[in-house]
């Protein structure tokens, strides 16, 4: 079931996120986040943007949200989309279901452009974004360093119909 974020979800979401912090370059956080820091982050996002979780039998298997792309006022109609699926739960179309719900909610806002900012390579995330009509608009070489290796970032863009 897909539903909106609730305060009780924080610990499970943090466990999903910190797995990616510790084991992948998908996020550029280097150290695991504390419960307090993560709770502040998701509360701030949820106060302004759509935020959904995918839950089965009281277990959260993924989450997706929109957030501010950049802080300057001219960017106010551009959002960044984010999705995380719990490690070991990939291949069940959870990301697709979450993105379907998220993009529908974003369309109900004043957003004009949605950006997916991806560490590359990441074939499954690229496929997910392209399935929803995102196109790659940027390829940034060696912009982040994690695990002692320079990481590349690609930006995928979806312009919403008016």
N, C-alpha and C. Protein backbone atom coordinates (compact mmCIF):
# COMPACT_ATOMS: atom_id res chain seq x y z
N UNK A 1 0.84 -1.18 0.00
CA UNK A 1 0.00 0.00 0.00
C UNK A 1 0.89 1.25 0.00
N UNK A 2 0.48 2.22 -0.78
CA UNK A 2 1.18 3.50 -0.80
C UNK A 2 0.36 4.48 0.01
N UNK A 3 1.05 5.21 0.86
CA UNK A 3 0.39 6.21 1.71
C UNK A 3 1.34 7.35 1.98
N UNK A 4 0.82 8.41 2.54
CA UNK A 4 1.64 9.56 2.91
C UNK A 4 2.52 9.22 4.10
N UNK A 5 3.60 9.93 4.20
CA UNK A 5 4.54 9.79 5.31
C UNK A 5 3.85 10.05 6.64
N UNK A 6 4.20 9.26 7.65
CA UNK A 6 3.76 9.46 9.03
C UNK A 6 4.98 9.51 9.92
N UNK A 7 4.88 10.19 11.05
CA UNK A 7 6.01 10.32 11.97
C UNK A 7 6.56 8.96 12.40
N UNK A 8 5.70 7.98 12.55
CA UNK A 8 6.12 6.65 13.00
C UNK A 8 7.02 5.93 11.99
N UNK A 9 7.12 6.45 10.78
CA UNK A 9 7.90 5.82 9.71
C UNK A 9 9.40 6.11 9.80
N UNK A 10 9.77 7.08 10.58
CA UNK A 10 11.13 7.62 10.53
C UNK A 10 12.21 6.56 10.69
N UNK A 11 12.11 5.70 11.68
CA UNK A 11 13.17 4.71 11.92
C UNK A 11 13.33 3.76 10.73
N UNK A 12 12.23 3.28 10.18
CA UNK A 12 12.33 2.36 9.05
C UNK A 12 12.92 3.05 7.81
N UNK A 13 12.53 4.30 7.59
CA UNK A 13 13.08 5.04 6.45
C UNK A 13 14.57 5.27 6.64
N UNK A 14 14.96 5.59 7.86
CA UNK A 14 16.38 5.81 8.16
C UNK A 14 17.19 4.55 7.89
N UNK A 15 16.67 3.40 8.25
CA UNK A 15 17.39 2.15 8.00
C UNK A 15 17.57 1.92 6.50
N UNK A 16 16.53 2.20 5.73
CA UNK A 16 16.64 2.08 4.27
C UNK A 16 17.71 3.03 3.75
N UNK A 17 17.64 4.28 4.18
CA UNK A 17 18.57 5.30 3.69
C UNK A 17 20.01 4.99 4.09
N UNK A 18 20.22 4.68 5.36
CA UNK A 18 21.59 4.45 5.83
C UNK A 18 22.24 3.24 5.19
N UNK A 19 21.45 2.26 4.75
CA UNK A 19 22.05 1.17 3.98
C UNK A 19 22.76 1.74 2.74
N UNK A 20 22.09 2.65 2.04
CA UNK A 20 22.65 3.23 0.83
C UNK A 20 23.84 4.14 1.14
N UNK A 21 23.79 4.82 2.28
CA UNK A 21 24.92 5.66 2.70
C UNK A 21 26.16 4.79 2.88
N UNK A 22 26.01 3.69 3.59
CA UNK A 22 27.15 2.85 3.95
C UNK A 22 27.65 1.95 2.82
N UNK A 23 26.79 1.61 1.87
CA UNK A 23 27.13 0.57 0.90
C UNK A 23 27.15 0.99 -0.56
N UNK A 24 26.72 2.21 -0.86
CA UNK A 24 26.63 2.62 -2.26
C UNK A 24 27.05 4.08 -2.42
N UNK A 25 27.22 4.47 -3.66
CA UNK A 25 27.46 5.87 -3.99
C UNK A 25 26.18 6.54 -4.48
N UNK A 26 25.04 5.88 -4.29
CA UNK A 26 23.77 6.44 -4.75
C UNK A 26 23.47 7.76 -4.04
N UNK A 27 23.82 7.85 -2.77
CA UNK A 27 23.72 9.11 -2.05
C UNK A 27 25.13 9.59 -1.73
N UNK A 28 25.31 10.88 -1.70
CA UNK A 28 26.62 11.44 -1.40
C UNK A 28 26.82 11.71 0.08
N UNK A 29 25.86 11.35 0.93
CA UNK A 29 26.17 11.34 2.36
C UNK A 29 27.23 10.26 2.57
N UNK A 30 28.18 10.54 3.44
CA UNK A 30 29.29 9.62 3.66
C UNK A 30 29.14 8.88 4.98
N UNK A 31 28.59 9.54 5.97
CA UNK A 31 28.36 8.94 7.28
C UNK A 31 26.86 8.70 7.46
N UNK A 32 26.48 7.62 8.15
CA UNK A 32 25.05 7.39 8.42
C UNK A 32 24.45 8.58 9.16
N UNK A 33 23.20 8.88 8.85
CA UNK A 33 22.52 9.98 9.54
C UNK A 33 21.95 9.48 10.85
N UNK A 34 21.90 10.36 11.84
CA UNK A 34 21.26 10.04 13.11
C UNK A 34 19.75 10.14 12.95
N UNK A 35 19.04 9.54 13.87
CA UNK A 35 17.58 9.60 13.84
C UNK A 35 17.09 11.04 13.90
N UNK A 36 17.69 11.86 14.76
CA UNK A 36 17.25 13.27 14.89
C UNK A 36 17.47 14.06 13.61
N UNK A 37 18.64 13.93 13.03
CA UNK A 37 18.94 14.67 11.79
C UNK A 37 18.01 14.21 10.67
N UNK A 38 17.83 12.91 10.54
CA UNK A 38 16.97 12.39 9.48
C UNK A 38 15.52 12.83 9.69
N UNK A 39 15.06 12.79 10.92
CA UNK A 39 13.69 13.22 11.23
C UNK A 39 13.48 14.68 10.87
N UNK A 40 14.45 15.53 11.18
CA UNK A 40 14.36 16.95 10.79
C UNK A 40 14.29 17.09 9.28
N UNK A 41 15.12 16.33 8.58
CA UNK A 41 15.16 16.39 7.11
C UNK A 41 13.81 16.00 6.51
N UNK A 42 13.28 14.84 6.88
CA UNK A 42 12.04 14.40 6.25
C UNK A 42 10.84 15.23 6.68
N UNK A 43 10.86 15.75 7.90
CA UNK A 43 9.77 16.63 8.35
C UNK A 43 9.76 17.91 7.54
N UNK A 44 10.94 18.49 7.33
CA UNK A 44 11.07 19.72 6.53
C UNK A 44 10.56 19.48 5.11
N UNK A 45 10.97 18.37 4.51
CA UNK A 45 10.52 18.06 3.15
C UNK A 45 9.02 17.84 3.12
N UNK A 46 8.51 17.04 4.04
CA UNK A 46 7.09 16.70 4.06
C UNK A 46 6.19 17.91 4.30
N UNK A 47 6.70 18.93 4.96
CA UNK A 47 5.91 20.14 5.19
C UNK A 47 5.65 20.92 3.92
N UNK A 48 6.47 20.71 2.89
CA UNK A 48 6.35 21.49 1.66
C UNK A 48 6.04 20.67 0.41
N UNK A 49 6.36 19.38 0.42
CA UNK A 49 6.31 18.59 -0.80
C UNK A 49 5.65 17.24 -0.55
N UNK A 50 5.20 16.58 -1.62
CA UNK A 50 4.64 15.23 -1.48
C UNK A 50 5.71 14.25 -1.00
N UNK A 51 5.30 13.35 -0.12
CA UNK A 51 6.22 12.35 0.45
C UNK A 51 5.41 11.08 0.69
N UNK A 52 5.77 9.98 0.02
CA UNK A 52 5.02 8.73 0.10
C UNK A 52 5.90 7.58 0.55
N UNK A 53 5.27 6.62 1.21
CA UNK A 53 5.95 5.37 1.57
C UNK A 53 5.16 4.21 0.97
N UNK A 54 5.89 3.13 0.72
CA UNK A 54 5.29 1.88 0.25
C UNK A 54 5.41 0.89 1.40
N UNK A 55 4.26 0.39 1.85
CA UNK A 55 4.23 -0.45 3.05
C UNK A 55 3.50 -1.75 2.76
N UNK A 56 4.06 -2.86 3.27
CA UNK A 56 3.40 -4.16 3.23
C UNK A 56 3.56 -4.80 4.60
N UNK A 57 2.46 -5.20 5.22
CA UNK A 57 2.47 -5.89 6.52
C UNK A 57 3.29 -5.12 7.55
N UNK A 58 3.04 -3.82 7.65
CA UNK A 58 3.70 -2.92 8.60
C UNK A 58 5.19 -2.74 8.37
N UNK A 59 5.70 -3.16 7.22
CA UNK A 59 7.11 -2.97 6.87
C UNK A 59 7.19 -2.01 5.69
N UNK A 60 8.00 -0.99 5.83
CA UNK A 60 8.19 -0.04 4.74
C UNK A 60 9.26 -0.59 3.81
N UNK A 61 8.90 -0.72 2.53
CA UNK A 61 9.79 -1.29 1.54
C UNK A 61 10.35 -0.25 0.58
N UNK A 62 9.88 1.00 0.71
CA UNK A 62 10.40 2.05 -0.14
C UNK A 62 9.73 3.36 0.17
N UNK A 63 10.33 4.43 -0.35
CA UNK A 63 9.73 5.75 -0.19
C UNK A 63 10.16 6.66 -1.33
N UNK A 64 9.36 7.68 -1.55
CA UNK A 64 9.64 8.64 -2.62
C UNK A 64 9.13 10.00 -2.20
N UNK A 65 9.84 11.03 -2.62
CA UNK A 65 9.42 12.38 -2.28
C UNK A 65 9.94 13.39 -3.30
N UNK A 66 9.32 14.54 -3.29
CA UNK A 66 9.80 15.68 -4.06
C UNK A 66 10.46 16.64 -3.07
N UNK A 67 11.39 17.43 -3.56
CA UNK A 67 12.05 18.41 -2.71
C UNK A 67 12.52 19.60 -3.55
N UNK A 68 12.92 20.62 -2.85
CA UNK A 68 13.41 21.83 -3.51
C UNK A 68 14.68 21.48 -4.29
N UNK A 69 14.75 21.96 -5.53
CA UNK A 69 15.95 21.72 -6.35
C UNK A 69 17.09 22.63 -5.89
N UNK A 70 16.84 23.92 -5.84
CA UNK A 70 17.84 24.89 -5.37
C UNK A 70 17.09 26.00 -4.64
N UNK A 71 17.77 26.72 -3.74
CA UNK A 71 17.05 27.65 -2.87
C UNK A 71 16.65 28.99 -3.48
N UNK A 72 17.19 29.38 -4.60
CA UNK A 72 16.87 30.71 -5.16
C UNK A 72 15.44 30.74 -5.69
N UNK A 73 14.77 31.89 -5.55
CA UNK A 73 13.35 31.98 -5.89
C UNK A 73 12.99 31.60 -7.33
N UNK A 74 13.86 31.84 -8.28
CA UNK A 74 13.55 31.52 -9.67
C UNK A 74 13.38 30.01 -9.90
N UNK A 75 13.88 29.20 -8.98
CA UNK A 75 13.75 27.74 -9.09
C UNK A 75 12.49 27.20 -8.40
N UNK A 76 11.62 28.07 -7.94
CA UNK A 76 10.50 27.62 -7.10
C UNK A 76 9.54 26.65 -7.78
N UNK A 77 9.54 26.59 -9.10
CA UNK A 77 8.66 25.67 -9.82
C UNK A 77 9.40 24.45 -10.37
N UNK A 78 10.61 24.23 -9.86
CA UNK A 78 11.40 23.06 -10.22
C UNK A 78 11.62 22.24 -8.96
N UNK A 79 11.32 20.94 -9.06
CA UNK A 79 11.51 20.05 -7.91
C UNK A 79 12.45 18.92 -8.30
N UNK A 80 13.08 18.36 -7.29
CA UNK A 80 13.89 17.17 -7.47
C UNK A 80 13.10 15.99 -6.92
N UNK A 81 13.08 14.91 -7.65
CA UNK A 81 12.38 13.70 -7.20
C UNK A 81 13.40 12.70 -6.67
N UNK A 82 12.98 11.97 -5.65
CA UNK A 82 13.86 10.98 -5.02
C UNK A 82 13.07 9.73 -4.72
N UNK A 83 13.68 8.58 -4.93
CA UNK A 83 13.05 7.31 -4.58
C UNK A 83 14.12 6.37 -4.02
N UNK A 84 13.76 5.67 -2.96
CA UNK A 84 14.61 4.63 -2.38
C UNK A 84 13.76 3.38 -2.17
N UNK A 85 14.30 2.24 -2.58
CA UNK A 85 13.65 0.95 -2.34
C UNK A 85 14.57 0.17 -1.42
N UNK A 86 13.98 -0.44 -0.42
CA UNK A 86 14.76 -1.19 0.57
C UNK A 86 15.62 -2.23 -0.13
N UNK A 87 16.88 -2.32 0.31
CA UNK A 87 17.79 -3.31 -0.27
C UNK A 87 17.18 -4.71 -0.15
N UNK A 88 17.22 -5.43 -1.26
CA UNK A 88 16.65 -6.77 -1.29
C UNK A 88 15.22 -6.81 -1.79
N UNK A 89 14.60 -5.65 -1.96
CA UNK A 89 13.20 -5.58 -2.41
C UNK A 89 13.09 -5.07 -3.84
N UNK A 90 14.21 -4.87 -4.53
CA UNK A 90 14.18 -4.40 -5.90
C UNK A 90 13.56 -5.47 -6.79
N UNK A 91 13.07 -5.04 -7.94
CA UNK A 91 12.48 -5.97 -8.90
C UNK A 91 11.01 -6.26 -8.66
N UNK A 92 10.41 -5.61 -7.68
CA UNK A 92 8.99 -5.82 -7.37
C UNK A 92 8.13 -4.65 -7.82
N UNK A 93 8.70 -3.76 -8.60
CA UNK A 93 8.01 -2.58 -9.14
C UNK A 93 7.60 -1.58 -8.06
N UNK A 94 8.25 -1.64 -6.92
CA UNK A 94 7.95 -0.70 -5.84
C UNK A 94 8.31 0.72 -6.27
N UNK A 95 9.47 0.89 -6.88
CA UNK A 95 9.88 2.22 -7.36
C UNK A 95 8.90 2.77 -8.38
N UNK A 96 8.43 1.92 -9.29
CA UNK A 96 7.46 2.35 -10.30
C UNK A 96 6.16 2.79 -9.64
N UNK A 97 5.67 2.02 -8.69
CA UNK A 97 4.43 2.37 -8.00
C UNK A 97 4.58 3.68 -7.23
N UNK A 98 5.70 3.83 -6.55
CA UNK A 98 5.94 5.08 -5.80
C UNK A 98 6.05 6.28 -6.74
N UNK A 99 6.77 6.11 -7.85
CA UNK A 99 6.94 7.23 -8.78
C UNK A 99 5.62 7.60 -9.44
N UNK A 100 4.78 6.62 -9.73
CA UNK A 100 3.46 6.92 -10.30
C UNK A 100 2.69 7.84 -9.35
N UNK A 101 2.66 7.49 -8.08
CA UNK A 101 1.95 8.29 -7.08
C UNK A 101 2.61 9.65 -6.90
N UNK A 102 3.94 9.66 -6.81
CA UNK A 102 4.66 10.92 -6.60
C UNK A 102 4.45 11.88 -7.75
N UNK A 103 4.60 11.41 -8.97
CA UNK A 103 4.46 12.32 -10.12
C UNK A 103 3.04 12.84 -10.24
N UNK A 104 2.05 12.03 -9.90
CA UNK A 104 0.67 12.51 -9.91
C UNK A 104 0.50 13.63 -8.87
N UNK A 105 1.07 13.46 -7.71
CA UNK A 105 0.98 14.49 -6.67
C UNK A 105 1.73 15.75 -7.08
N UNK A 106 2.88 15.59 -7.70
CA UNK A 106 3.64 16.76 -8.17
C UNK A 106 2.84 17.54 -9.21
N UNK A 107 2.13 16.82 -10.07
CA UNK A 107 1.32 17.49 -11.10
C UNK A 107 0.21 18.35 -10.48
N UNK A 108 -0.16 18.07 -9.24
CA UNK A 108 -1.20 18.85 -8.56
C UNK A 108 -0.63 20.11 -7.90
N UNK A 109 0.67 20.32 -8.01
CA UNK A 109 1.32 21.50 -7.43
C UNK A 109 1.62 22.50 -8.53
N UNK A 110 2.38 23.52 -8.18
CA UNK A 110 2.79 24.52 -9.16
C UNK A 110 4.07 24.12 -9.90
N UNK A 111 4.54 22.92 -9.69
CA UNK A 111 5.79 22.50 -10.32
C UNK A 111 5.65 22.45 -11.84
N UNK A 112 6.69 22.87 -12.51
CA UNK A 112 6.75 22.83 -13.97
C UNK A 112 7.77 21.79 -14.44
N UNK A 113 8.84 21.64 -13.66
CA UNK A 113 9.93 20.75 -14.04
C UNK A 113 10.29 19.84 -12.87
N UNK A 114 10.50 18.56 -13.18
CA UNK A 114 10.94 17.58 -12.19
C UNK A 114 12.31 17.08 -12.64
N UNK A 115 13.26 17.07 -11.72
CA UNK A 115 14.60 16.60 -12.02
C UNK A 115 14.94 15.37 -11.19
N UNK A 116 15.51 14.39 -11.84
CA UNK A 116 16.10 13.24 -11.15
C UNK A 116 17.60 13.39 -11.24
N UNK A 117 18.26 13.46 -10.10
CA UNK A 117 19.71 13.65 -10.05
C UNK A 117 20.31 12.32 -9.58
N UNK A 118 21.01 11.63 -10.49
CA UNK A 118 21.42 10.26 -10.26
C UNK A 118 22.93 10.10 -10.29
N UNK A 119 23.46 9.35 -9.35
CA UNK A 119 24.85 8.93 -9.44
C UNK A 119 24.92 7.89 -10.56
N UNK A 120 25.87 8.07 -11.44
CA UNK A 120 25.99 7.21 -12.62
C UNK A 120 27.29 6.41 -12.52
N UNK A 121 27.27 5.11 -12.78
CA UNK A 121 26.19 4.34 -13.38
C UNK A 121 25.14 3.90 -12.35
N UNK A 122 23.91 3.79 -12.81
CA UNK A 122 22.80 3.30 -12.00
C UNK A 122 21.68 2.92 -12.98
N UNK A 123 21.85 1.79 -13.63
CA UNK A 123 20.94 1.38 -14.71
C UNK A 123 19.48 1.32 -14.28
N UNK A 124 19.20 0.79 -13.07
CA UNK A 124 17.80 0.65 -12.66
C UNK A 124 17.14 2.01 -12.46
N UNK A 125 17.87 2.97 -11.93
CA UNK A 125 17.28 4.29 -11.74
C UNK A 125 17.12 5.02 -13.07
N UNK A 126 18.08 4.86 -13.96
CA UNK A 126 17.95 5.44 -15.30
C UNK A 126 16.71 4.89 -15.99
N UNK A 127 16.52 3.57 -15.95
CA UNK A 127 15.36 2.94 -16.58
C UNK A 127 14.06 3.45 -15.95
N UNK A 128 14.04 3.58 -14.64
CA UNK A 128 12.85 4.07 -13.96
C UNK A 128 12.49 5.47 -14.45
N UNK A 129 13.47 6.36 -14.47
CA UNK A 129 13.18 7.73 -14.91
C UNK A 129 12.74 7.78 -16.37
N UNK A 130 13.41 7.04 -17.22
CA UNK A 130 13.06 7.06 -18.63
C UNK A 130 11.69 6.44 -18.88
N UNK A 131 11.29 5.47 -18.06
CA UNK A 131 9.95 4.88 -18.16
C UNK A 131 8.88 5.95 -17.98
N UNK A 132 9.16 6.97 -17.16
CA UNK A 132 8.20 8.03 -16.90
C UNK A 132 8.38 9.26 -17.80
N UNK A 133 9.24 9.14 -18.81
CA UNK A 133 9.39 10.22 -19.77
C UNK A 133 10.49 11.21 -19.47
N UNK A 134 11.28 10.98 -18.44
CA UNK A 134 12.43 11.84 -18.17
C UNK A 134 13.47 11.63 -19.27
N UNK A 135 14.18 12.69 -19.61
CA UNK A 135 15.28 12.59 -20.56
C UNK A 135 16.54 13.15 -19.91
N UNK A 136 17.67 12.56 -20.26
CA UNK A 136 18.92 13.03 -19.70
C UNK A 136 19.28 14.38 -20.30
N UNK A 137 19.58 15.34 -19.43
CA UNK A 137 19.92 16.69 -19.89
C UNK A 137 21.31 17.13 -19.45
N UNK A 138 21.95 16.36 -18.56
CA UNK A 138 23.29 16.73 -18.11
C UNK A 138 24.06 15.48 -17.69
N UNK A 139 25.36 15.57 -17.87
CA UNK A 139 26.28 14.53 -17.42
C UNK A 139 27.46 15.24 -16.77
N UNK A 140 27.54 15.13 -15.47
CA UNK A 140 28.58 15.83 -14.71
C UNK A 140 29.65 14.82 -14.31
N UNK A 141 30.85 15.07 -14.72
CA UNK A 141 31.95 14.13 -14.47
C UNK A 141 32.67 14.48 -13.16
N UNK A 142 32.91 13.46 -12.35
CA UNK A 142 33.74 13.56 -11.15
C UNK A 142 33.36 14.73 -10.26
N UNK A 143 32.09 14.79 -9.86
CA UNK A 143 31.61 15.90 -9.03
C UNK A 143 31.45 15.54 -7.55
N UNK A 144 31.56 14.26 -7.22
CA UNK A 144 31.50 13.84 -5.83
C UNK A 144 32.51 12.75 -5.59
N UNK A 145 33.03 12.69 -4.37
CA UNK A 145 34.00 11.64 -4.06
C UNK A 145 33.47 10.80 -2.91
N UNK A 146 33.36 9.51 -3.15
CA UNK A 146 32.88 8.59 -2.13
C UNK A 146 33.63 7.27 -2.28
N UNK A 147 33.95 6.68 -1.16
CA UNK A 147 34.72 5.43 -1.14
C UNK A 147 36.05 5.59 -1.88
N UNK A 148 36.61 6.80 -1.84
CA UNK A 148 37.90 7.06 -2.46
C UNK A 148 37.87 7.12 -3.98
N UNK A 149 36.68 7.22 -4.54
CA UNK A 149 36.53 7.24 -6.00
C UNK A 149 35.68 8.44 -6.41
N UNK A 150 36.09 9.09 -7.50
CA UNK A 150 35.28 10.17 -8.03
C UNK A 150 34.02 9.60 -8.65
N UNK A 151 32.90 10.26 -8.39
CA UNK A 151 31.59 9.81 -8.86
C UNK A 151 31.04 10.78 -9.90
N UNK A 152 30.33 10.23 -10.87
CA UNK A 152 29.66 11.02 -11.90
C UNK A 152 28.18 11.14 -11.57
N UNK A 153 27.58 12.22 -12.02
CA UNK A 153 26.16 12.47 -11.79
C UNK A 153 25.50 12.80 -13.12
N UNK A 154 24.33 12.22 -13.33
CA UNK A 154 23.51 12.56 -14.48
C UNK A 154 22.23 13.22 -14.00
N UNK A 155 21.71 14.12 -14.80
CA UNK A 155 20.44 14.78 -14.45
C UNK A 155 19.43 14.44 -15.54
N UNK A 156 18.30 13.91 -15.09
CA UNK A 156 17.18 13.57 -15.97
C UNK A 156 16.06 14.56 -15.69
N UNK A 157 15.39 15.03 -16.74
CA UNK A 157 14.39 16.09 -16.61
C UNK A 157 13.06 15.66 -17.22
N UNK A 158 12.00 16.03 -16.51
CA UNK A 158 10.64 15.85 -17.00
C UNK A 158 9.94 17.20 -16.89
N UNK A 159 9.51 17.72 -18.04
CA UNK A 159 8.74 18.97 -18.03
C UNK A 159 7.27 18.56 -18.03
N UNK A 160 6.57 19.05 -17.03
CA UNK A 160 5.16 18.69 -16.87
C UNK A 160 4.29 19.49 -17.81
N UNK A 161 3.25 18.85 -18.33
CA UNK A 161 2.30 19.55 -19.20
C UNK A 161 1.50 20.53 -18.38
N UNK A 162 1.18 21.63 -19.01
CA UNK A 162 0.38 22.65 -18.32
C UNK A 162 -1.08 22.43 -18.60
